[in-house]
N, C-alpha and C. Protein backbone atom coordinates (compact mmCIF):
# COMPACT_ATOMS: atom_id res chain seq x y z
N MET A 1 32.29 17.52 18.16
CA MET A 1 32.06 16.85 19.62
C MET A 1 32.10 15.19 19.20
N THR A 2 32.81 14.87 20.08
CA THR A 2 32.92 13.44 20.12
C THR A 2 31.79 12.68 20.62
N ARG A 3 31.77 12.25 20.13
CA ARG A 3 30.17 11.01 20.95
C ARG A 3 30.85 10.12 21.54
N VAL A 4 29.88 9.47 22.33
CA VAL A 4 30.85 8.36 23.40
C VAL A 4 29.51 7.44 23.51
N SER A 5 29.54 6.27 23.39
CA SER A 5 28.77 5.13 23.90
C SER A 5 28.92 4.62 25.38
N GLY A 6 27.71 4.09 25.82
CA GLY A 6 27.75 3.88 27.42
C GLY A 6 27.26 2.59 27.78
N VAL A 7 27.96 2.28 28.73
CA VAL A 7 27.48 0.59 29.22
C VAL A 7 26.94 0.78 31.13
N ILE A 8 25.89 0.15 31.09
CA ILE A 8 25.72 0.12 32.91
C ILE A 8 25.95 -1.62 32.71
N LEU A 9 27.06 -1.56 33.66
CA LEU A 9 27.43 -2.88 34.16
C LEU A 9 26.33 -3.49 35.12
N ALA A 10 25.54 -4.34 34.51
CA ALA A 10 24.55 -5.14 35.28
C ALA A 10 24.34 -7.03 35.20
N GLY A 11 25.85 -7.46 34.79
CA GLY A 11 26.04 -8.27 34.59
C GLY A 11 26.05 -9.13 35.32
N GLY A 12 26.48 -8.81 36.97
CA GLY A 12 27.33 -9.91 37.84
C GLY A 12 26.20 -10.76 38.27
N ARG A 13 26.79 -11.94 39.25
CA ARG A 13 26.04 -12.31 39.96
C ARG A 13 25.50 -12.18 41.25
N GLY A 14 25.42 -11.15 42.06
CA GLY A 14 25.16 -10.45 42.78
C GLY A 14 25.03 -11.27 44.71
N THR A 15 26.20 -11.62 44.35
CA THR A 15 26.06 -12.86 45.56
C THR A 15 25.82 -12.15 46.49
N ARG A 16 26.61 -10.99 47.11
CA ARG A 16 26.45 -10.06 48.39
C ARG A 16 25.36 -9.68 48.65
N MET A 17 24.43 -9.38 47.54
CA MET A 17 23.42 -9.00 47.89
C MET A 17 22.07 -10.05 47.49
N GLY A 18 22.64 -11.24 48.22
CA GLY A 18 21.76 -12.75 48.31
C GLY A 18 21.32 -13.39 47.09
N GLY A 19 22.03 -13.13 45.81
CA GLY A 19 22.32 -13.61 44.62
C GLY A 19 20.63 -12.96 43.58
N VAL A 20 20.17 -12.15 44.29
CA VAL A 20 19.50 -11.41 42.81
C VAL A 20 20.19 -10.38 42.11
N ASP A 21 19.68 -10.05 40.94
CA ASP A 21 19.51 -9.07 39.86
C ASP A 21 19.56 -8.17 40.97
N LYS A 22 20.86 -7.08 40.80
CA LYS A 22 20.90 -6.16 41.83
C LYS A 22 20.31 -4.60 40.68
N GLY A 23 20.24 -5.06 39.61
CA GLY A 23 19.84 -3.86 38.44
C GLY A 23 18.45 -4.03 38.86
N TRP A 24 17.16 -4.97 39.57
CA TRP A 24 15.97 -4.45 39.69
C TRP A 24 16.07 -4.19 41.52
N VAL A 25 17.23 -4.20 42.09
CA VAL A 25 16.49 -3.96 43.81
C VAL A 25 16.44 -2.74 43.57
N GLU A 26 15.79 -2.33 44.23
CA GLU A 26 14.86 -1.12 44.66
C GLU A 26 15.41 -0.15 45.79
N LEU A 27 15.82 0.98 45.73
CA LEU A 27 16.10 2.71 46.59
C LEU A 27 15.26 3.59 46.64
N ASP A 28 14.70 3.37 47.73
CA ASP A 28 13.22 4.04 47.86
C ASP A 28 12.20 4.16 46.78
N GLY A 29 11.73 3.01 46.20
CA GLY A 29 10.90 2.32 45.48
C GLY A 29 11.34 3.17 43.74
N LYS A 30 12.78 2.83 43.50
CA LYS A 30 13.06 2.91 42.11
C LYS A 30 14.04 1.89 41.88
N PRO A 31 14.35 1.22 41.03
CA PRO A 31 15.07 -0.33 40.97
C PRO A 31 17.00 0.66 40.42
N LEU A 32 17.99 0.27 40.86
CA LEU A 32 19.12 0.59 40.64
C LEU A 32 19.13 0.98 39.45
N ILE A 33 18.33 0.18 38.38
CA ILE A 33 19.02 0.07 36.75
C ILE A 33 18.61 1.50 36.19
N VAL A 34 17.34 2.11 36.88
CA VAL A 34 16.48 3.11 36.45
C VAL A 34 17.34 4.44 36.91
N ARG A 35 17.49 4.02 38.71
CA ARG A 35 18.58 5.78 38.71
C ARG A 35 19.57 5.67 38.10
N ALA A 36 20.71 4.33 37.60
CA ALA A 36 21.68 4.96 36.92
C ALA A 36 21.55 5.16 35.46
N ILE A 37 20.68 4.85 34.89
CA ILE A 37 20.10 5.42 33.24
C ILE A 37 19.84 6.96 33.79
N GLU A 38 19.18 7.33 34.69
CA GLU A 38 18.30 8.88 34.83
C GLU A 38 19.56 9.47 35.05
N ARG A 39 20.95 9.20 35.53
CA ARG A 39 22.29 9.95 35.88
C ARG A 39 23.47 9.72 34.95
N PHE A 40 23.31 8.24 34.31
CA PHE A 40 24.39 8.50 33.10
C PHE A 40 23.81 8.23 31.89
N GLY A 41 22.71 8.07 31.96
CA GLY A 41 22.12 8.09 30.19
C GLY A 41 22.46 9.08 29.35
N PRO A 42 21.99 10.52 30.28
CA PRO A 42 22.29 11.76 29.59
C PRO A 42 23.77 12.05 29.24
N GLN A 43 24.50 11.53 29.66
CA GLN A 43 26.20 11.59 29.34
C GLN A 43 26.70 10.89 28.03
N VAL A 44 25.40 9.89 27.18
CA VAL A 44 26.04 9.22 26.46
C VAL A 44 25.17 9.50 25.38
N ASN A 45 25.59 9.15 24.08
CA ASN A 45 24.91 9.02 23.24
C ASN A 45 24.30 7.87 22.30
N GLU A 46 25.10 6.62 22.86
CA GLU A 46 24.18 5.48 22.69
C GLU A 46 24.40 4.69 23.84
N LEU A 47 23.36 3.62 24.62
CA LEU A 47 23.39 3.55 25.52
C LEU A 47 23.10 2.04 25.65
N PHE A 48 24.08 0.85 26.41
CA PHE A 48 23.70 -0.41 26.50
C PHE A 48 23.69 -1.13 27.98
N VAL A 49 23.33 -1.97 28.30
CA VAL A 49 22.82 -2.77 29.17
C VAL A 49 23.35 -3.91 29.54
N SER A 50 24.28 -4.08 29.99
CA SER A 50 25.05 -5.29 30.15
C SER A 50 24.80 -6.26 30.77
N ALA A 51 23.94 -7.37 30.73
CA ALA A 51 23.61 -8.08 31.60
C ALA A 51 23.31 -9.53 31.14
N ASN A 52 23.38 -10.63 32.34
CA ASN A 52 23.45 -12.05 32.03
C ASN A 52 22.35 -12.68 32.38
N ARG A 53 21.29 -12.33 32.81
CA ARG A 53 20.07 -13.33 33.17
C ARG A 53 18.99 -12.08 33.00
N GLY A 54 17.89 -12.38 32.88
CA GLY A 54 16.64 -11.62 32.57
C GLY A 54 16.77 -10.59 31.56
N LEU A 55 17.37 -10.62 30.77
CA LEU A 55 17.36 -9.81 29.58
C LEU A 55 16.26 -9.24 28.77
N GLU A 56 15.07 -10.09 28.93
CA GLU A 56 14.09 -9.61 28.21
C GLU A 56 13.36 -8.54 29.18
N ARG A 57 13.69 -8.34 30.55
CA ARG A 57 13.12 -7.62 31.40
C ARG A 57 13.91 -6.61 31.13
N TYR A 58 15.54 -6.22 31.17
CA TYR A 58 16.25 -5.53 30.76
C TYR A 58 16.18 -4.53 29.21
N GLU A 59 15.45 -5.51 28.74
CA GLU A 59 15.18 -4.74 27.31
C GLU A 59 13.64 -3.93 27.17
N THR A 60 12.84 -4.36 28.33
CA THR A 60 12.18 -3.19 28.58
C THR A 60 12.27 -1.78 28.39
N LEU A 61 13.26 -1.68 29.33
CA LEU A 61 14.27 -0.40 29.08
C LEU A 61 14.30 0.72 28.87
N GLY A 62 13.89 -0.15 26.94
CA GLY A 62 14.63 0.57 25.40
C GLY A 62 15.97 0.52 25.17
N TYR A 63 16.67 0.04 25.73
CA TYR A 63 18.09 0.13 25.41
C TYR A 63 18.89 -1.88 25.08
N LEU A 64 19.65 -1.57 24.33
CA LEU A 64 20.20 -2.31 23.48
C LEU A 64 20.79 -3.59 24.74
N VAL A 65 20.53 -4.74 25.11
CA VAL A 65 20.93 -5.09 25.85
C VAL A 65 21.72 -6.19 25.48
N VAL A 66 23.40 -6.32 26.50
CA VAL A 66 24.39 -7.11 25.59
C VAL A 66 24.82 -7.80 26.57
N PRO A 67 24.84 -9.57 26.49
CA PRO A 67 25.19 -10.36 27.31
C PRO A 67 26.84 -10.49 27.06
N ASP A 68 27.29 -11.17 28.12
CA ASP A 68 29.00 -11.27 27.96
C ASP A 68 28.92 -12.58 26.84
N ILE A 69 29.85 -12.16 26.17
CA ILE A 69 31.02 -13.21 24.79
C ILE A 69 31.56 -13.94 25.14
N VAL A 70 32.18 -13.31 26.54
CA VAL A 70 33.07 -14.77 27.58
C VAL A 70 32.26 -15.20 28.31
N PRO A 71 32.57 -16.59 28.49
CA PRO A 71 31.49 -17.44 28.92
C PRO A 71 32.15 -17.11 31.08
N GLY A 72 30.50 -17.69 31.63
CA GLY A 72 31.45 -17.75 32.90
C GLY A 72 31.37 -16.67 34.06
N PHE A 73 30.41 -15.61 33.54
CA PHE A 73 30.42 -14.52 34.70
C PHE A 73 32.03 -14.19 35.22
N ALA A 74 32.84 -13.59 33.72
CA ALA A 74 34.13 -13.64 34.04
C ALA A 74 34.14 -12.18 34.35
N GLY A 75 33.27 -11.27 34.98
CA GLY A 75 33.76 -10.20 35.91
C GLY A 75 33.33 -8.87 34.83
N PRO A 76 33.23 -7.33 35.53
CA PRO A 76 32.82 -6.28 34.82
C PRO A 76 33.74 -6.26 33.56
N LEU A 77 35.28 -6.83 33.39
CA LEU A 77 35.84 -6.89 31.79
C LEU A 77 35.45 -6.96 30.65
N ALA A 78 34.48 -8.64 30.80
CA ALA A 78 33.37 -8.95 29.88
C ALA A 78 32.68 -8.70 29.74
N GLY A 79 31.52 -7.50 30.62
CA GLY A 79 30.69 -6.38 30.39
C GLY A 79 31.04 -5.25 29.69
N LEU A 80 32.13 -5.09 29.59
CA LEU A 80 33.31 -3.60 29.11
C LEU A 80 32.93 -3.93 27.49
N HIS A 81 33.97 -5.89 27.69
CA HIS A 81 34.53 -6.22 26.22
C HIS A 81 33.09 -6.31 25.22
N ALA A 82 32.12 -6.91 25.80
CA ALA A 82 30.61 -7.22 25.09
C ALA A 82 30.10 -5.88 24.74
N ALA A 83 30.16 -4.79 25.74
CA ALA A 83 29.77 -3.34 25.15
C ALA A 83 30.56 -2.30 24.01
N LEU A 84 32.18 -3.08 23.76
CA LEU A 84 32.45 -2.33 22.83
C LEU A 84 32.95 -2.90 21.71
N SER A 85 32.54 -4.05 21.59
CA SER A 85 31.87 -4.82 20.35
C SER A 85 30.86 -4.57 19.59
N ASN A 86 29.95 -3.95 20.51
CA ASN A 86 28.69 -3.64 19.83
C ASN A 86 28.72 -2.31 19.77
N ALA A 87 29.65 -1.22 20.08
CA ALA A 87 29.54 0.40 20.42
C ALA A 87 29.84 1.00 18.52
N ARG A 88 29.12 2.24 18.54
CA ARG A 88 29.23 2.55 16.90
C ARG A 88 30.36 3.76 17.36
N ASN A 89 30.58 4.08 18.64
CA ASN A 89 31.31 5.48 18.51
C ASN A 89 32.86 5.03 19.05
N GLU A 90 33.64 6.16 18.61
CA GLU A 90 35.06 5.35 19.25
C GLU A 90 35.29 5.53 20.47
N TRP A 91 34.56 6.41 21.61
CA TRP A 91 34.54 5.88 22.69
C TRP A 91 33.80 5.42 23.75
N LEU A 92 33.98 4.51 24.80
CA LEU A 92 32.64 4.09 25.45
C LEU A 92 33.55 4.13 27.33
N ALA A 93 32.07 4.87 27.56
CA ALA A 93 31.80 4.81 29.20
C ALA A 93 31.32 3.90 29.62
N SER A 94 31.44 3.53 31.19
CA SER A 94 31.15 2.43 31.94
C SER A 94 30.82 2.99 33.19
N CYS A 95 30.04 2.66 33.92
CA CYS A 95 29.68 2.36 35.07
C CYS A 95 28.89 1.51 35.79
N PRO A 96 28.77 1.40 36.78
CA PRO A 96 28.12 -0.51 37.38
C PRO A 96 26.71 0.09 37.63
N CYS A 97 25.92 -0.80 37.75
CA CYS A 97 24.19 -0.33 37.70
C CYS A 97 24.15 -0.32 39.51
N ASP A 98 25.02 -0.54 40.60
CA ASP A 98 25.37 -0.49 41.79
C ASP A 98 25.25 0.56 42.50
N SER A 99 25.56 2.01 41.80
CA SER A 99 25.96 2.97 42.38
C SER A 99 24.88 3.84 41.68
N PRO A 100 23.82 4.93 42.82
CA PRO A 100 22.77 5.37 42.23
C PRO A 100 23.53 7.11 42.20
N TRP A 101 24.49 7.40 42.86
CA TRP A 101 24.35 8.80 43.13
C TRP A 101 25.74 9.14 42.30
N LEU A 102 26.34 8.10 41.47
CA LEU A 102 27.05 8.49 40.33
C LEU A 102 27.47 9.90 39.89
N PRO A 103 28.67 10.83 39.87
CA PRO A 103 28.80 12.19 39.21
C PRO A 103 28.05 12.06 37.60
N THR A 104 26.98 13.61 37.60
CA THR A 104 26.47 13.83 36.33
C THR A 104 27.35 14.09 35.31
N ASP A 105 28.44 14.47 35.93
CA ASP A 105 29.69 14.79 34.88
C ASP A 105 30.88 14.00 34.70
N LEU A 106 30.71 12.95 34.97
CA LEU A 106 31.59 11.37 35.09
C LEU A 106 32.06 11.23 33.40
N VAL A 107 31.54 11.45 31.82
CA VAL A 107 32.02 11.09 31.03
C VAL A 107 32.80 12.64 30.72
N ALA A 108 31.93 13.32 30.62
CA ALA A 108 32.78 14.73 30.24
C ALA A 108 34.25 15.03 30.93
N ARG A 109 33.92 14.81 32.05
CA ARG A 109 35.62 14.93 32.74
C ARG A 109 36.52 13.93 32.48
N LEU A 110 35.95 12.79 32.19
CA LEU A 110 37.07 11.30 31.74
C LEU A 110 37.42 11.38 30.26
N ARG A 111 36.96 12.36 29.49
CA ARG A 111 36.66 12.67 28.17
C ARG A 111 37.89 13.66 28.05
N ARG A 112 38.04 14.64 29.10
CA ARG A 112 38.71 15.68 28.86
C ARG A 112 40.27 15.15 29.25
N ALA A 113 40.19 14.28 30.28
CA ALA A 113 41.28 13.62 31.06
C ALA A 113 42.06 12.95 29.70
N CYS A 114 41.76 12.10 29.11
CA CYS A 114 42.12 11.03 27.91
C CYS A 114 42.24 11.95 27.04
N VAL A 115 42.12 13.06 26.37
CA VAL A 115 42.07 13.97 25.25
C VAL A 115 43.47 14.65 26.23
N THR A 116 43.59 15.08 26.70
CA THR A 116 44.85 15.99 27.93
C THR A 116 46.24 15.18 27.74
N ALA A 117 45.61 13.97 28.21
CA ALA A 117 46.39 13.18 28.53
C ALA A 117 47.16 12.11 26.81
N GLY A 118 46.41 12.27 26.18
CA GLY A 118 46.55 11.55 25.25
C GLY A 118 46.24 9.61 25.56
N ALA A 119 45.62 9.45 26.64
CA ALA A 119 45.32 8.41 26.89
C ALA A 119 44.05 7.47 26.43
N GLN A 120 44.30 5.82 26.36
CA GLN A 120 43.16 5.35 26.04
C GLN A 120 42.45 4.84 26.74
N VAL A 121 42.38 4.79 28.33
CA VAL A 121 41.54 4.80 29.35
C VAL A 121 41.78 5.65 30.08
N ALA A 122 40.80 6.36 30.56
CA ALA A 122 40.16 7.03 31.87
C ALA A 122 39.59 6.71 33.01
N VAL A 123 39.89 6.59 34.22
CA VAL A 123 39.26 5.99 35.25
C VAL A 123 39.35 7.22 36.61
N ALA A 124 38.09 6.85 37.31
CA ALA A 124 37.37 7.46 38.27
C ALA A 124 38.39 7.56 39.50
N ARG A 125 38.78 8.23 39.79
CA ARG A 125 39.65 8.15 41.66
C ARG A 125 39.38 9.08 42.55
N THR A 126 39.02 8.65 43.73
CA THR A 126 38.71 9.60 44.72
C THR A 126 40.19 9.29 45.50
N ALA A 127 39.90 9.56 47.29
CA ALA A 127 40.43 9.87 47.86
C ALA A 127 40.84 8.26 48.39
N SER A 128 39.80 7.31 48.11
CA SER A 128 40.47 5.73 48.83
C SER A 128 40.91 5.25 47.93
N GLY A 129 40.96 5.69 46.67
CA GLY A 129 41.64 5.14 45.44
C GLY A 129 41.26 5.21 43.89
N PRO A 130 41.15 4.23 42.86
CA PRO A 130 40.80 4.27 41.98
C PRO A 130 39.26 3.02 41.69
N HIS A 131 38.09 3.95 41.47
CA HIS A 131 36.97 3.00 40.67
C HIS A 131 37.08 2.68 39.60
N PRO A 132 37.93 2.00 39.32
CA PRO A 132 38.15 1.03 37.96
C PRO A 132 36.56 0.76 36.84
N VAL A 133 35.47 0.25 37.62
CA VAL A 133 34.35 0.72 36.45
C VAL A 133 34.05 1.35 36.15
N PHE A 134 34.09 2.80 36.62
CA PHE A 134 33.65 4.14 36.38
C PHE A 134 34.53 4.58 35.20
N ALA A 135 34.85 4.39 34.15
CA ALA A 135 35.64 4.49 33.24
C ALA A 135 35.60 5.40 31.77
N LEU A 136 36.41 5.41 30.85
CA LEU A 136 36.16 5.82 29.15
C LEU A 136 37.04 5.29 28.90
N VAL A 137 36.89 4.45 27.96
CA VAL A 137 37.72 3.80 27.30
C VAL A 137 37.85 3.63 25.60
N GLN A 138 39.04 3.98 24.94
CA GLN A 138 38.91 4.15 23.78
C GLN A 138 38.62 2.57 23.19
N ARG A 139 37.68 2.87 21.89
CA ARG A 139 37.76 1.56 20.94
C ARG A 139 38.67 0.51 20.38
N THR A 140 39.86 1.29 20.48
CA THR A 140 40.87 1.19 20.07
C THR A 140 41.80 -0.14 20.50
N ALA A 141 41.65 -0.60 22.01
CA ALA A 141 41.89 -0.98 23.14
C ALA A 141 40.75 -2.29 23.14
N LEU A 142 40.14 -2.14 22.32
CA LEU A 142 39.53 -3.88 22.31
C LEU A 142 40.45 -4.89 21.33
N PRO A 143 41.02 -5.33 21.24
CA PRO A 143 41.91 -6.31 20.84
C PRO A 143 42.80 -6.60 22.05
N VAL A 144 43.44 -5.64 23.02
CA VAL A 144 44.32 -5.70 24.23
C VAL A 144 43.29 -6.20 25.28
N LEU A 145 42.11 -5.84 25.26
CA LEU A 145 41.28 -6.49 26.28
C LEU A 145 40.80 -7.93 25.85
N GLU A 146 40.54 -8.08 24.80
CA GLU A 146 40.29 -9.58 24.29
C GLU A 146 41.30 -10.45 24.73
N GLY A 147 42.71 -10.25 24.17
CA GLY A 147 44.10 -10.61 24.78
C GLY A 147 43.83 -10.96 25.89
N TYR A 148 43.49 -10.26 26.70
CA TYR A 148 43.94 -10.17 28.27
C TYR A 148 42.26 -11.17 28.88
N LEU A 149 41.56 -11.10 28.17
CA LEU A 149 40.42 -12.11 28.88
C LEU A 149 40.66 -13.42 28.17
N HIS A 150 41.04 -13.65 27.45
CA HIS A 150 41.35 -14.89 26.85
C HIS A 150 42.44 -15.37 27.54
N SER A 151 43.60 -15.09 28.14
CA SER A 151 44.42 -15.46 28.84
C SER A 151 44.16 -15.56 29.98
N GLY A 152 42.67 -15.50 30.27
CA GLY A 152 42.51 -15.71 31.57
C GLY A 152 42.54 -14.69 32.94
N GLY A 153 42.76 -13.13 32.06
CA GLY A 153 42.96 -12.06 32.96
C GLY A 153 41.10 -11.80 33.33
N ARG A 154 41.03 -10.93 34.13
CA ARG A 154 39.97 -10.58 35.07
C ARG A 154 40.03 -9.04 35.98
N ARG A 155 41.13 -8.91 36.22
CA ARG A 155 41.45 -7.75 37.26
C ARG A 155 41.32 -6.66 36.41
N VAL A 156 40.41 -5.50 36.44
CA VAL A 156 40.17 -4.40 35.83
C VAL A 156 41.36 -3.34 35.58
N ARG A 157 41.91 -3.55 36.95
CA ARG A 157 43.30 -2.71 37.14
C ARG A 157 44.34 -2.83 36.19
N GLU A 158 44.64 -3.98 36.63
CA GLU A 158 45.92 -5.00 36.17
C GLU A 158 45.37 -4.53 34.27
N TRP A 159 44.73 -4.92 34.08
CA TRP A 159 44.07 -4.56 32.36
C TRP A 159 44.16 -2.67 31.83
N TYR A 160 44.02 -2.26 32.52
CA TYR A 160 43.46 -0.50 32.40
C TYR A 160 45.34 -0.20 32.56
N ARG A 161 45.75 -0.85 33.51
CA ARG A 161 47.53 -0.39 33.25
C ARG A 161 48.35 -0.34 32.54
N SER A 162 47.76 -1.84 31.89
CA SER A 162 48.91 -2.51 30.81
C SER A 162 48.76 -1.35 29.63
N MET A 163 48.36 -0.32 29.55
CA MET A 163 47.96 0.73 28.09
C MET A 163 48.15 1.72 28.80
N PRO A 164 48.09 2.74 27.71
CA PRO A 164 48.02 4.68 28.52
C PRO A 164 47.11 5.01 28.97
N HIS A 165 47.11 5.54 30.40
CA HIS A 165 45.43 5.34 30.91
C HIS A 165 46.16 6.59 31.82
N VAL A 166 44.91 7.61 32.45
CA VAL A 166 45.29 8.70 32.80
C VAL A 166 43.71 7.90 34.39
N GLU A 167 44.12 8.58 35.71
CA GLU A 167 43.51 8.49 36.66
C GLU A 167 42.85 10.17 36.89
N VAL A 168 41.64 10.20 36.86
CA VAL A 168 40.94 11.36 37.16
C VAL A 168 40.73 11.42 38.65
N GLU A 169 41.05 12.56 39.26
CA GLU A 169 40.46 12.65 40.52
C GLU A 169 38.94 13.33 40.55
N PHE A 170 38.08 12.68 41.21
CA PHE A 170 36.82 13.26 42.31
C PHE A 170 36.38 13.22 43.02
N GLU A 171 36.20 14.39 43.95
CA GLU A 171 36.29 14.91 45.57
C GLU A 171 35.02 14.46 46.08
N ASP A 172 34.09 13.86 45.58
CA ASP A 172 33.03 13.25 45.97
C ASP A 172 33.05 12.22 46.05
N GLU A 173 33.41 11.09 47.52
CA GLU A 173 33.76 9.67 47.81
C GLU A 173 32.10 9.16 47.57
N ALA A 174 31.20 9.56 48.05
CA ALA A 174 30.03 9.14 47.87
C ALA A 174 29.13 8.72 46.28
N ALA A 175 29.79 9.21 45.82
CA ALA A 175 29.00 9.62 44.63
C ALA A 175 29.37 8.20 44.03
N PHE A 176 30.41 7.45 44.45
CA PHE A 176 30.94 6.05 43.87
C PHE A 176 30.99 5.13 44.71
N ALA A 177 29.86 5.50 45.91
CA ALA A 177 29.29 4.27 46.71
C ALA A 177 28.82 2.90 45.82
N ASN A 178 29.02 1.76 46.32
CA ASN A 178 28.13 0.84 45.53
C ASN A 178 27.05 0.20 46.56
N LEU A 179 26.23 -0.50 46.12
CA LEU A 179 25.10 -1.07 46.99
C LEU A 179 25.46 -2.13 47.05
N ASN A 180 26.27 -2.98 47.51
CA ASN A 180 26.65 -4.17 47.55
C ASN A 180 26.01 -5.44 48.43
N ALA A 181 25.15 -4.81 49.56
CA ALA A 181 24.71 -5.72 50.21
C ALA A 181 23.39 -5.45 50.51
N PRO A 182 22.42 -6.40 51.23
CA PRO A 182 21.02 -5.39 51.84
C PRO A 182 20.93 -4.25 52.60
N GLU A 183 22.09 -4.08 53.74
CA GLU A 183 22.43 -2.87 54.45
C GLU A 183 23.19 -2.17 53.71
N ASP A 184 23.59 -2.07 53.36
CA ASP A 184 23.75 -0.56 52.06
C ASP A 184 22.56 0.42 51.67
N LEU A 185 21.84 -0.78 51.33
CA LEU A 185 20.34 0.19 50.81
C LEU A 185 19.48 1.22 51.88
N ALA A 186 20.26 0.90 53.35
CA ALA A 186 20.09 1.95 54.41
C ALA A 186 20.64 3.50 54.70
N ARG A 187 21.66 3.11 53.57
CA ARG A 187 22.23 4.59 53.54
C ARG A 187 21.40 5.65 53.20
N PRO A 188 21.90 6.96 53.72
CA PRO A 188 20.72 7.73 53.31
C PRO A 188 21.43 8.34 51.73
N SER A 189 20.22 9.11 51.18
CA SER A 189 20.92 9.19 49.42
C SER A 189 22.04 10.28 50.14
N SER A 190 22.77 10.42 49.14
CA SER A 190 23.75 11.06 48.95
C SER A 190 23.72 12.68 48.14
N VAL A 191 23.10 12.15 47.07
CA VAL A 191 22.79 13.52 46.40
C VAL A 191 21.00 13.51 45.71
């Protein structure tokens, strides 16, 4: 059985949420980061939290907190880069902290698709399109990612399409919903 590292991406500015640290925003009395850990954590063998502020608070969760190595809030790829730089396993799965209903079989399905397709990257996809931060990346992709970031690239989709990849179809659109703004917190629970 292949071991997989995982990273929950909580390093953004949270501008659409009023500039707050989204990982600590509560949904039904529970922080989004805790909801992500509950659903994503059991799917991986090693878990990181990608954060760029409030590191001490995230450390209280008991996981290694990795801030971006690339400066200036460079986006989710910078969080992926920091986690890949620290991962001990051949594969790294990622998800955002603000998707409380992510699939509990996400990593297994992405891993199966990578093996079948011989891909370095697998990305979740629904009828609405790809969800590029719900991904599985082979650690061998790190040099390509470093080059892309250092050249100023920031678009996740553009980066993963530059290497062998596969998009994996998921039917449950709501499982990939992001809670980006205060009004999103009023959505009924999906799962």
